[in-house]
């Protein structure tokens, strides 16, 4: 499987796990708590696999940037958390940074 797809799966697993962390209510609910453990296990395994070919700084920048944006959007849509203009601008800048790294950086081994 393509390394970039593995990274995407790892990011999605991390976002699901983080969202379940909120729903687990401090690990007091069994099913969401299991989703957290399984999700983070998949996420870190996938991230570890990607580090065989993608430089750690690039992989982690993409992982954390996309994770921040996706978790924030889930918080907005599912948990009714509010976003102010500064938060939206910040997320746009994060996405722009990820795009710049992937499109223009020689460090991200395509």
PDB file of N, CA and C in Angstrom:
ATOM      1  N   UNK A   1       0.854  -1.184   0.000  1.00  0.00           N
ATOM      2  CA  UNK A   1       0.000   0.000   0.000  1.00  0.00           C
ATOM      3  C   UNK A   1       0.895   1.242   0.000  1.00  0.00           C
ATOM      4  N   UNK A   2       0.467   2.258  -0.685  1.00  0.00           N
ATOM      5  CA  UNK A   2       1.199   3.507  -0.778  1.00  0.00           C
ATOM      6  C   UNK A   2       1.369   4.135   0.604  1.00  0.00           C
ATOM      7  N   UNK A   3       2.558   4.623   0.895  1.00  0.00           N
ATOM      8  CA  UNK A   3       2.877   5.215   2.198  1.00  0.00           C
ATOM      9  C   UNK A   3       1.951   6.374   2.531  1.00  0.00           C
ATOM     10  N   UNK A   4       1.579   7.161   1.542  1.00  0.00           N
ATOM     11  CA  UNK A   4       0.700   8.311   1.788  1.00  0.00           C
ATOM     12  C   UNK A   4      -0.696   7.848   2.190  1.00  0.00           C
ATOM     13  N   UNK A   5      -1.151   6.737   1.652  1.00  0.00           N
ATOM     14  CA  UNK A   5      -2.445   6.193   2.052  1.00  0.00           C
ATOM     15  C   UNK A   5      -2.375   5.676   3.487  1.00  0.00           C
ATOM     16  N   UNK A   6      -1.263   5.069   3.844  1.00  0.00           N
ATOM     17  CA  UNK A   6      -1.089   4.591   5.225  1.00  0.00           C
ATOM     18  C   UNK A   6      -1.128   5.781   6.180  1.00  0.00           C
ATOM     19  N   UNK A   7      -0.455   6.868   5.813  1.00  0.00           N
ATOM     20  CA  UNK A   7      -0.482   8.064   6.657  1.00  0.00           C
ATOM     21  C   UNK A   7      -1.904   8.604   6.771  1.00  0.00           C
ATOM     22  N   UNK A   8      -2.644   8.617   5.683  1.00  0.00           N
ATOM     23  CA  UNK A   8      -4.034   9.095   5.717  1.00  0.00           C
ATOM     24  C   UNK A   8      -4.885   8.230   6.648  1.00  0.00           C
ATOM     25  N   UNK A   9      -4.709   6.916   6.574  1.00  0.00           N
ATOM     26  CA  UNK A   9      -5.444   6.007   7.454  1.00  0.00           C
ATOM     27  C   UNK A   9      -5.055   6.252   8.903  1.00  0.00           C
ATOM     28  N   UNK A  10      -3.765   6.468   9.152  1.00  0.00           N
ATOM     29  CA  UNK A  10      -3.293   6.748  10.510  1.00  0.00           C
ATOM     30  C   UNK A  10      -3.918   8.030  11.046  1.00  0.00           C
ATOM     31  N   UNK A  11      -4.010   9.046  10.215  1.00  0.00           N
ATOM     32  CA  UNK A  11      -4.604  10.316  10.638  1.00  0.00           C
ATOM     33  C   UNK A  11      -6.087  10.121  10.946  1.00  0.00           C
ATOM     34  N   UNK A  12      -6.789   9.406  10.088  1.00  0.00           N
ATOM     35  CA  UNK A  12      -8.219   9.161  10.315  1.00  0.00           C
ATOM     36  C   UNK A  12      -8.428   8.368  11.604  1.00  0.00           C
ATOM     37  N   UNK A  13      -7.590   7.364  11.836  1.00  0.00           N
ATOM     38  CA  UNK A  13      -7.698   6.570  13.067  1.00  0.00           C
ATOM     39  C   UNK A  13      -7.446   7.438  14.296  1.00  0.00           C
ATOM     40  N   UNK A  14      -6.488   8.347  14.197  1.00  0.00           N
ATOM     41  CA  UNK A  14      -6.187   9.238  15.318  1.00  0.00           C
ATOM     42  C   UNK A  14      -7.350  10.187  15.578  1.00  0.00           C
ATOM     43  N   UNK A  15      -7.960  10.692  14.535  1.00  0.00           N
ATOM     44  CA  UNK A  15      -9.096  11.604  14.676  1.00  0.00           C
ATOM     45  C   UNK A  15     -10.297  10.874  15.293  1.00  0.00           C
ATOM     46  N   UNK A  16     -10.541   9.666  14.857  1.00  0.00           N
ATOM     47  CA  UNK A  16     -11.629   8.871  15.442  1.00  0.00           C
ATOM     48  C   UNK A  16     -11.354   8.610  16.918  1.00  0.00           C
ATOM     49  N   UNK A  17     -10.121   8.229  17.240  1.00  0.00           N
ATOM     50  CA  UNK A  17      -9.759   7.950  18.632  1.00  0.00           C
ATOM     51  C   UNK A  17      -9.890   9.194  19.504  1.00  0.00           C
ATOM     52  N   UNK A  18      -9.448  10.325  18.998  1.00  0.00           N
ATOM     53  CA  UNK A  18      -9.538  11.560  19.769  1.00  0.00           C
ATOM     54  C   UNK A  18     -10.994  11.952  19.992  1.00  0.00           C
ATOM     55  N   UNK A  19     -11.816  11.780  18.976  1.00  0.00           N
ATOM     56  CA  UNK A  19     -13.241  12.086  19.121  1.00  0.00           C
ATOM     57  C   UNK A  19     -13.896  11.140  20.130  1.00  0.00           C
ATOM     58  N   UNK A  20     -13.516   9.879  20.092  1.00  0.00           N
ATOM     59  CA  UNK A  20     -14.052   8.911  21.049  1.00  0.00           C
ATOM     60  C   UNK A  20     -13.571   9.211  22.463  1.00  0.00           C
ATOM     61  N   UNK A  21     -12.413   9.820  22.580  1.00  0.00           N
ATOM     62  CA  UNK A  21     -11.882  10.179  23.899  1.00  0.00           C
ATOM     63  C   UNK A  21     -12.845  11.126  24.608  1.00  0.00           C
ATOM     64  N   UNK A  22     -13.396  12.068  23.870  1.00  0.00           N
ATOM     65  CA  UNK A  22     -14.382  12.978  24.467  1.00  0.00           C
ATOM     66  C   UNK A  22     -15.629  12.213  24.892  1.00  0.00           C
ATOM     67  N   UNK A  23     -16.091  11.327  24.020  1.00  0.00           N
ATOM     68  CA  UNK A  23     -17.319  10.574  24.289  1.00  0.00           C
ATOM     69  C   UNK A  23     -17.116   9.545  25.413  1.00  0.00           C
ATOM     70  N   UNK A  24     -15.878   9.113  25.637  1.00  0.00           N
ATOM     71  CA  UNK A  24     -15.617   8.104  26.667  1.00  0.00           C
ATOM     72  C   UNK A  24     -15.845   8.618  28.080  1.00  0.00           C
ATOM     73  N   UNK A  25     -15.972   9.946  28.208  1.00  0.00           N
ATOM     74  CA  UNK A  25     -16.212  10.575  29.513  1.00  0.00           C
ATOM     75  C   UNK A  25     -15.200  10.110  30.554  1.00  0.00           C
ATOM     76  N   UNK A  26     -13.919  10.321  30.211  1.00  0.00           N
ATOM     77  CA  UNK A  26     -12.846   9.961  31.143  1.00  0.00           C
ATOM     78  C   UNK A  26     -12.674   8.468  31.308  1.00  0.00           C
ATOM     79  N   UNK A  27     -12.879   7.724  30.246  1.00  0.00           N
ATOM     80  CA  UNK A  27     -12.777   6.263  30.228  1.00  0.00           C
ATOM     81  C   UNK A  27     -13.798   5.594  31.147  1.00  0.00           C
ATOM     82  N   UNK A  28     -14.950   6.224  31.331  1.00  0.00           N
ATOM     83  CA  UNK A  28     -16.009   5.610  32.143  1.00  0.00           C
ATOM     84  C   UNK A  28     -17.031   4.873  31.289  1.00  0.00           C
ATOM     85  N   UNK A  29     -16.947   5.003  29.965  1.00  0.00           N
ATOM     86  CA  UNK A  29     -17.856   4.295  29.060  1.00  0.00           C
ATOM     87  C   UNK A  29     -17.027   3.303  28.239  1.00  0.00           C
ATOM     88  N   UNK A  30     -17.421   2.033  28.274  1.00  0.00           N
ATOM     89  CA  UNK A  30     -16.617   0.947  27.712  1.00  0.00           C
ATOM     90  C   UNK A  30     -16.385   1.056  26.207  1.00  0.00           C
ATOM     91  N   UNK A  31     -17.440   1.154  25.416  1.00  0.00           N
ATOM     92  CA  UNK A  31     -17.286   1.114  23.959  1.00  0.00           C
ATOM     93  C   UNK A  31     -16.441   2.282  23.451  1.00  0.00           C
ATOM     94  N   UNK A  32     -16.742   3.523  23.835  1.00  0.00           N
ATOM     95  CA  UNK A  32     -15.870   4.615  23.380  1.00  0.00           C
ATOM     96  C   UNK A  32     -14.426   4.454  23.862  1.00  0.00           C
ATOM     97  N   UNK A  33     -14.245   3.908  25.044  1.00  0.00           N
ATOM     98  CA  UNK A  33     -12.884   3.690  25.562  1.00  0.00           C
ATOM     99  C   UNK A  33     -12.135   2.670  24.712  1.00  0.00           C
ATOM    100  N   UNK A  34     -12.824   1.623  24.279  1.00  0.00           N
ATOM    101  CA  UNK A  34     -12.211   0.630  23.395  1.00  0.00           C
ATOM    102  C   UNK A  34     -11.873   1.251  22.041  1.00  0.00           C
ATOM    103  N   UNK A  35     -12.746   2.114  21.543  1.00  0.00           N
ATOM    104  CA  UNK A  35     -12.471   2.810  20.272  1.00  0.00           C
ATOM    105  C   UNK A  35     -11.210   3.660  20.410  1.00  0.00           C
ATOM    106  N   UNK A  36     -11.035   4.299  21.560  1.00  0.00           N
ATOM    107  CA  UNK A  36      -9.830   5.107  21.800  1.00  0.00           C
ATOM    108  C   UNK A  36      -8.583   4.233  21.710  1.00  0.00           C
ATOM    109  N   UNK A  37      -8.572   3.126  22.416  1.00  0.00           N
ATOM    110  CA  UNK A  37      -7.388   2.259  22.455  1.00  0.00           C
ATOM    111  C   UNK A  37      -7.087   1.673  21.078  1.00  0.00           C
ATOM    112  N   UNK A  38      -8.114   1.154  20.407  1.00  0.00           N
ATOM    113  CA  UNK A  38      -7.914   0.562  19.082  1.00  0.00           C
ATOM    114  C   UNK A  38      -7.516   1.641  18.074  1.00  0.00           C
ATOM    115  N   UNK A  39      -8.194   2.776  18.117  1.00  0.00           N
ATOM    116  CA  UNK A  39      -7.898   3.864  17.182  1.00  0.00           C
ATOM    117  C   UNK A  39      -6.478   4.375  17.302  1.00  0.00           C
ATOM    118  N   UNK A  40      -6.041   4.624  18.538  1.00  0.00           N
ATOM    119  CA  UNK A  40      -4.667   5.100  18.723  1.00  0.00           C
ATOM    120  C   UNK A  40      -3.648   4.024  18.356  1.00  0.00           C
ATOM    121  N   UNK A  41      -3.974   2.757  18.609  1.00  0.00           N
ATOM    122  CA  UNK A  41      -3.054   1.676  18.215  1.00  0.00           C
ATOM    123  C   UNK A  41      -2.867   1.644  16.705  1.00  0.00           C
ATOM    124  N   UNK A  42      -3.973   1.726  15.965  1.00  0.00           N
ATOM    125  CA  UNK A  42      -3.888   1.767  14.500  1.00  0.00           C
ATOM    126  C   UNK A  42      -3.141   3.010  14.051  1.00  0.00           C
ATOM    127  N   UNK A  43      -3.448   4.143  14.670  1.00  0.00           N
ATOM    128  CA  UNK A  43      -2.840   5.411  14.274  1.00  0.00           C
ATOM    129  C   UNK A  43      -1.323   5.388  14.439  1.00  0.00           C
ATOM    130  N   UNK A  44      -0.855   4.962  15.598  1.00  0.00           N
ATOM    131  CA  UNK A  44       0.590   4.980  15.828  1.00  0.00           C
ATOM    132  C   UNK A  44       1.313   3.904  15.031  1.00  0.00           C
ATOM    133  N   UNK A  45       0.671   2.766  14.811  1.00  0.00           N
ATOM    134  CA  UNK A  45       1.263   1.745  13.958  1.00  0.00           C
ATOM    135  C   UNK A  45       1.410   2.278  12.529  1.00  0.00           C
ATOM    136  N   UNK A  46       0.345   2.899  12.032  1.00  0.00           N
ATOM    137  CA  UNK A  46       0.404   3.474  10.687  1.00  0.00           C
ATOM    138  C   UNK A  46       1.452   4.570  10.573  1.00  0.00           C
ATOM    139  N   UNK A  47       1.521   5.438  11.579  1.00  0.00           N
ATOM    140  CA  UNK A  47       2.542   6.488  11.568  1.00  0.00           C
ATOM    141  C   UNK A  47       3.939   5.873  11.567  1.00  0.00           C
ATOM    142  N   UNK A  48       4.145   4.834  12.360  1.00  0.00           N
ATOM    143  CA  UNK A  48       5.451   4.177  12.404  1.00  0.00           C
ATOM    144  C   UNK A  48       5.827   3.596  11.039  1.00  0.00           C
ATOM    145  N   UNK A  49       4.858   3.018  10.354  1.00  0.00           N
ATOM    146  CA  UNK A  49       5.130   2.466   9.022  1.00  0.00           C
ATOM    147  C   UNK A  49       5.531   3.556   8.030  1.00  0.00           C
ATOM    148  N   UNK A  50       4.871   4.698   8.121  1.00  0.00           N
ATOM    149  CA  UNK A  50       5.179   5.774   7.173  1.00  0.00           C
ATOM    150  C   UNK A  50       6.570   6.344   7.381  1.00  0.00           C
ATOM    151  N   UNK A  51       7.068   6.253   8.607  1.00  0.00           N
ATOM    152  CA  UNK A  51       8.384   6.830   8.891  1.00  0.00           C
ATOM    153  C   UNK A  51       9.531   6.048   8.257  1.00  0.00           C
ATOM    154  N   UNK A  52       9.214   4.901   7.646  1.00  0.00           N
ATOM    155  CA  UNK A  52      10.232   4.167   6.899  1.00  0.00           C
ATOM    156  C   UNK A  52      10.611   4.914   5.621  1.00  0.00           C
ATOM    157  N   UNK A  53       9.668   5.698   5.075  1.00  0.00           N
ATOM    158  CA  UNK A  53       9.943   6.378   3.808  1.00  0.00           C
ATOM    159  C   UNK A  53       9.729   7.890   3.850  1.00  0.00           C
ATOM    160  N   UNK A  54       8.872   8.374   4.725  1.00  0.00           N
ATOM    161  CA  UNK A  54       8.635   9.820   4.819  1.00  0.00           C
ATOM    162  C   UNK A  54       9.455  10.360   5.994  1.00  0.00           C
ATOM    163  N   UNK A  55      10.183  11.454   5.808  1.00  0.00           N
ATOM    164  CA  UNK A  55      10.951  12.030   6.926  1.00  0.00           C
ATOM    165  C   UNK A  55      10.033  12.340   8.113  1.00  0.00           C
ATOM    166  N   UNK A  56      10.546  12.131   9.315  1.00  0.00           N
ATOM    167  CA  UNK A  56       9.733  12.266  10.521  1.00  0.00           C
ATOM    168  C   UNK A  56       9.122  13.664  10.652  1.00  0.00           C
ATOM    169  N   UNK A  57       9.855  14.703  10.330  1.00  0.00           N
ATOM    170  CA  UNK A  57       9.331  16.059  10.440  1.00  0.00           C
ATOM    171  C   UNK A  57       8.176  16.310   9.498  1.00  0.00           C
ATOM    172  N   UNK A  58       8.283  15.805   8.292  1.00  0.00           N
ATOM    173  CA  UNK A  58       7.230  15.969   7.296  1.00  0.00           C
ATOM    174  C   UNK A  58       5.999  15.158   7.701  1.00  0.00           C
ATOM    175  N   UNK A  59       6.203  13.902   8.067  1.00  0.00           N
ATOM    176  CA  UNK A  59       5.077  13.047   8.453  1.00  0.00           C
ATOM    177  C   UNK A  59       4.360  13.618   9.672  1.00  0.00           C
ATOM    178  N   UNK A  60       5.119  14.078  10.651  1.00  0.00           N
ATOM    179  CA  UNK A  60       4.491  14.585  11.864  1.00  0.00           C
ATOM    180  C   UNK A  60       3.784  15.911  11.616  1.00  0.00           C
ATOM    181  N   UNK A  61       4.342  16.746  10.754  1.00  0.00           N
ATOM    182  CA  UNK A  61       3.679  18.014  10.421  1.00  0.00           C
ATOM    183  C   UNK A  61       2.329  17.748   9.761  1.00  0.00           C
ATOM    184  N   UNK A  62       2.300  16.799   8.841  1.00  0.00           N
ATOM    185  CA  UNK A  62       1.050  16.458   8.161  1.00  0.00           C
ATOM    186  C   UNK A  62       0.073  15.816   9.150  1.00  0.00           C
ATOM    187  N   UNK A  63       0.581  14.878   9.935  1.00  0.00           N
ATOM    188  CA  UNK A  63      -0.223  14.176  10.943  1.00  0.00           C
ATOM    189  C   UNK A  63      -0.870  15.165  11.914  1.00  0.00           C
ATOM    190  N   UNK A  64      -0.057  16.026  12.487  1.00  0.00           N
ATOM    191  CA  UNK A  64      -0.590  16.936  13.499  1.00  0.00           C
ATOM    192  C   UNK A  64      -1.464  18.024  12.877  1.00  0.00           C
ATOM    193  N   UNK A  65      -1.052  18.561  11.743  1.00  0.00           N
ATOM    194  CA  UNK A  65      -1.831  19.618  11.102  1.00  0.00           C
ATOM    195  C   UNK A  65      -3.203  19.139  10.681  1.00  0.00           C
ATOM    196  N   UNK A  66      -3.234  18.023   9.995  1.00  0.00           N
ATOM    197  CA  UNK A  66      -4.527  17.499   9.541  1.00  0.00           C
ATOM    198  C   UNK A  66      -5.362  17.015  10.728  1.00  0.00           C
ATOM    199  N   UNK A  67      -4.705  16.467  11.740  1.00  0.00           N
ATOM    200  CA  UNK A  67      -5.425  16.041  12.942  1.00  0.00           C
ATOM    201  C   UNK A  67      -6.095  17.212  13.639  1.00  0.00           C
ATOM    202  N   UNK A  68      -5.373  18.322  13.763  1.00  0.00           N
ATOM    203  CA  UNK A  68      -5.942  19.516  14.392  1.00  0.00           C
ATOM    204  C   UNK A  68      -7.177  19.984  13.630  1.00  0.00           C
ATOM    205  N   UNK A  69      -7.043  20.081  12.334  1.00  0.00           N
ATOM    206  CA  UNK A  69      -8.157  20.578  11.521  1.00  0.00           C
ATOM    207  C   UNK A  69      -9.356  19.634  11.594  1.00  0.00           C
ATOM    208  N   UNK A  70      -9.124  18.341  11.423  1.00  0.00           N
ATOM    209  CA  UNK A  70     -10.235  17.389  11.409  1.00  0.00           C
ATOM    210  C   UNK A  70     -10.914  17.276  12.775  1.00  0.00           C
ATOM    211  N   UNK A  71     -10.137  17.250  13.852  1.00  0.00           N
ATOM    212  CA  UNK A  71     -10.738  17.173  15.187  1.00  0.00           C
ATOM    213  C   UNK A  71     -11.524  18.448  15.485  1.00  0.00           C
ATOM    214  N   UNK A  72     -11.010  19.579  15.050  1.00  0.00           N
ATOM    215  CA  UNK A  72     -11.736  20.837  15.253  1.00  0.00           C
ATOM    216  C   UNK A  72     -13.056  20.831  14.496  1.00  0.00           C
ATOM    217  N   UNK A  73     -13.043  20.335  13.263  1.00  0.00           N
ATOM    218  CA  UNK A  73     -14.280  20.263  12.486  1.00  0.00           C
ATOM    219  C   UNK A  73     -15.275  19.294  13.115  1.00  0.00           C
ATOM    220  N   UNK A  74     -14.804  18.171  13.618  1.00  0.00           N
ATOM    221  CA  UNK A  74     -15.695  17.227  14.302  1.00  0.00           C
ATOM    222  C   UNK A  74     -16.277  17.867  15.550  1.00  0.00           C
ATOM    223  N   UNK A  75     -15.447  18.581  16.291  1.00  0.00           N
ATOM    224  CA  UNK A  75     -15.946  19.288  17.470  1.00  0.00           C
ATOM    225  C   UNK A  75     -17.020  20.291  17.103  1.00  0.00           C
ATOM    226  N   UNK A  76     -16.841  20.937  15.981  1.00  0.00           N
ATOM    227  CA  UNK A  76     -17.805  21.936  15.512  1.00  0.00           C
ATOM    228  C   UNK A  76     -19.127  21.276  15.100  1.00  0.00           C
ATOM    229  N   UNK A  77     -19.035  20.213  14.289  1.00  0.00           N
ATOM    230  CA  UNK A  77     -20.244  19.582  13.771  1.00  0.00           C
ATOM    231  C   UNK A  77     -20.933  18.654  14.773  1.00  0.00           C
ATOM    232  N   UNK A  78     -20.170  17.834  15.480  1.00  0.00           N
ATOM    233  CA  UNK A  78     -20.776  16.828  16.350  1.00  0.00           C
ATOM    234  C   UNK A  78     -20.995  17.289  17.786  1.00  0.00           C
ATOM    235  N   UNK A  79     -20.098  18.131  18.289  1.00  0.00           N
ATOM    236  CA  UNK A  79     -20.168  18.528  19.692  1.00  0.00           C
ATOM    237  C   UNK A  79     -20.596  19.977  19.869  1.00  0.00           C
ATOM    238  N   UNK A  80     -21.003  20.618  18.775  1.00  0.00           N
ATOM    239  CA  UNK A  80     -21.502  21.994  18.789  1.00  0.00           C
ATOM    240  C   UNK A  80     -20.516  22.982  19.422  1.00  0.00           C
ATOM    241  N   UNK A  81     -19.234  22.750  19.202  1.00  0.00           N
ATOM    242  CA  UNK A  81     -18.218  23.682  19.680  1.00  0.00           C
ATOM    243  C   UNK A  81     -18.089  24.813  18.673  1.00  0.00           C
ATOM    244  N   UNK A  82     -17.949  26.013  19.173  1.00  0.00           N
ATOM    245  CA  UNK A  82     -17.944  27.193  18.312  1.00  0.00           C
ATOM    246  C   UNK A  82     -16.533  27.500  17.795  1.00  0.00           C
ATOM    247  N   UNK A  83     -16.494  28.023  16.573  1.00  0.00           N
ATOM    248  CA  UNK A  83     -15.240  28.486  15.972  1.00  0.00           C
ATOM    249  C   UNK A  83     -15.367  29.975  15.696  1.00  0.00           C
ATOM    250  N   UNK A  84     -14.386  30.726  16.146  1.00  0.00           N
ATOM    251  CA  UNK A  84     -14.390  32.152  15.829  1.00  0.00           C
ATOM    252  C   UNK A  84     -13.530  32.377  14.584  1.00  0.00           C
ATOM    253  N   UNK A  85     -13.551  33.583  14.027  1.00  0.00           N
ATOM    254  CA  UNK A  85     -12.772  33.838  12.811  1.00  0.00           C
ATOM    255  C   UNK A  85     -11.276  33.522  12.947  1.00  0.00           C
ATOM    256  N   UNK A  86     -10.700  33.784  14.106  1.00  0.00           N
ATOM    257  CA  UNK A  86      -9.274  33.489  14.297  1.00  0.00           C
ATOM    258  C   UNK A  86      -9.004  31.990  14.189  1.00  0.00           C
ATOM    259  N   UNK A  87      -9.895  31.172  14.731  1.00  0.00           N
ATOM    260  CA  UNK A  87      -9.729  29.717  14.643  1.00  0.00           C
ATOM    261  C   UNK A  87      -9.827  29.250  13.200  1.00  0.00           C
ATOM    262  N   UNK A  88     -10.760  29.808  12.459  1.00  0.00           N
ATOM    263  CA  UNK A  88     -10.931  29.422  11.059  1.00  0.00           C
ATOM    264  C   UNK A  88      -9.708  29.844  10.238  1.00  0.00           C
ATOM    265  N   UNK A  89      -9.223  31.050  10.466  1.00  0.00           N
ATOM    266  CA  UNK A  89      -8.023  31.513   9.760  1.00  0.00           C
ATOM    267  C   UNK A  89      -6.833  30.622  10.101  1.00  0.00           C
ATOM    268  N   UNK A  90      -6.700  30.276  11.360  1.00  0.00           N
ATOM    269  CA  UNK A  90      -5.606  29.398  11.779  1.00  0.00           C
ATOM    270  C   UNK A  90      -5.655  28.051  11.098  1.00  0.00           C
ATOM    271  N   UNK A  91      -6.842  27.479  10.969  1.00  0.00           N
ATOM    272  CA  UNK A  91      -6.975  26.184  10.292  1.00  0.00           C
ATOM    273  C   UNK A  91      -6.656  26.303   8.805  1.00  0.00           C
ATOM    274  N   UNK A  92      -7.064  27.395   8.195  1.00  0.00           N
ATOM    275  CA  UNK A  92      -6.728  27.615   6.781  1.00  0.00           C
ATOM    276  C   UNK A  92      -5.213  27.690   6.617  1.00  0.00           C
ATOM    277  N   UNK A  93      -4.534  28.355   7.542  1.00  0.00           N
ATOM    278  CA  UNK A  93      -3.070  28.440   7.476  1.00  0.00           C
ATOM    279  C   UNK A  93      -2.416  27.073   7.673  1.00  0.00           C
ATOM    280  N   UNK A  94      -2.970  26.256   8.559  1.00  0.00           N
ATOM    281  CA  UNK A  94      -2.439  24.900   8.759  1.00  0.00           C
ATOM    282  C   UNK A  94      -2.576  24.095   7.473  1.00  0.00           C
ATOM    283  N   UNK A  95      -3.753  24.136   6.860  1.00  0.00           N
ATOM    284  CA  UNK A  95      -3.965  23.410   5.604  1.00  0.00           C
ATOM    285  C   UNK A  95      -3.017  23.925   4.529  1.00  0.00           C
ATOM    286  N   UNK A  96      -2.849  25.241   4.463  1.00  0.00           N
ATOM    287  CA  UNK A  96      -1.921  25.817   3.484  1.00  0.00           C
ATOM    288  C   UNK A  96      -0.505  25.313   3.725  1.00  0.00           C
ATOM    289  N   UNK A  97      -0.105  25.215   4.969  1.00  0.00           N
ATOM    290  CA  UNK A  97       1.229  24.709   5.284  1.00  0.00           C
ATOM    291  C   UNK A  97       1.419  23.274   4.842  1.00  0.00           C
ATOM    292  N   UNK A  98       0.417  22.438   5.061  1.00  0.00           N
ATOM    293  CA  UNK A  98       0.489  21.039   4.632  1.00  0.00           C
ATOM    294  C   UNK A  98       0.581  20.963   3.111  1.00  0.00           C
ATOM    295  N   UNK A  99      -0.212  21.769   2.419  1.00  0.00           N
ATOM    296  CA  UNK A  99      -0.171  21.780   0.955  1.00  0.00           C
ATOM    297  C   UNK A  99       1.195  22.245   0.460  1.00  0.00           C
ATOM    298  N   UNK A 100       1.727  23.306   1.031  1.00  0.00           N
ATOM    299  CA  UNK A 100       3.046  23.818   0.618  1.00  0.00           C
ATOM    300  C   UNK A 100       4.113  22.748   0.817  1.00  0.00           C
ATOM    301  N   UNK A 101       4.076  22.060   1.957  1.00  0.00           N
ATOM    302  CA  UNK A 101       5.070  21.003   2.199  1.00  0.00           C
ATOM    303  C   UNK A 101       4.968  19.901   1.166  1.00  0.00           C
ATOM    304  N   UNK A 102       3.746  19.497   0.844  1.00  0.00           N
ATOM    305  CA  UNK A 102       3.564  18.379  -0.086  1.00  0.00           C
ATOM    306  C   UNK A 102       3.845  18.752  -1.529  1.00  0.00           C
ATOM    307  N   UNK A 103       3.527  19.962  -1.916  1.00  0.00           N
ATOM    308  CA  UNK A 103       3.661  20.349  -3.317  1.00  0.00           C
ATOM    309  C   UNK A 103       5.053  20.897  -3.630  1.00  0.00           C
ATOM    310  N   UNK A 104       5.607  21.675  -2.713  1.00  0.00           N
ATOM    311  CA  UNK A 104       6.837  22.402  -3.036  1.00  0.00           C
ATOM    312  C   UNK A 104       8.094  21.902  -2.326  1.00  0.00           C
ATOM    313  N   UNK A 105       7.975  21.121  -1.288  1.00  0.00           N
ATOM    314  CA  UNK A 105       9.149  20.731  -0.516  1.00  0.00           C
ATOM    315  C   UNK A 105       9.824  19.490  -1.112  1.00  0.00           C
ATOM    316  N   UNK A 106      11.116  19.559  -1.242  1.00  0.00           N
ATOM    317  CA  UNK A 106      11.898  18.395  -1.684  1.00  0.00           C
ATOM    318  C   UNK A 106      12.039  17.386  -0.535  1.00  0.00           C
ATOM    319  N   UNK A 107      11.733  17.814   0.693  1.00  0.00           N
ATOM    320  CA  UNK A 107      11.847  16.932   1.852  1.00  0.00           C
ATOM    321  C   UNK A 107      10.781  15.856   1.880  1.00  0.00           C
ATOM    322  N   UNK A 108       9.613  16.138   1.319  1.00  0.00           N
ATOM    323  CA  UNK A 108       8.548  15.141   1.320  1.00  0.00           C
ATOM    324  C   UNK A 108       8.732  14.216   0.128  1.00  0.00           C
ATOM    325  N   UNK A 109       9.292  13.069   0.404  1.00  0.00           N
ATOM    326  CA  UNK A 109       9.660  12.134  -0.663  1.00  0.00           C
ATOM    327  C   UNK A 109       8.435  11.567  -1.356  1.00  0.00           C
ATOM    328  N   UNK A 110       8.099  12.132  -2.512  1.00  0.00           N
ATOM    329  CA  UNK A 110       6.911  11.699  -3.268  1.00  0.00           C
ATOM    330  C   UNK A 110       7.297  10.495  -4.100  1.00  0.00           C
TER     331      UNK A 110
END
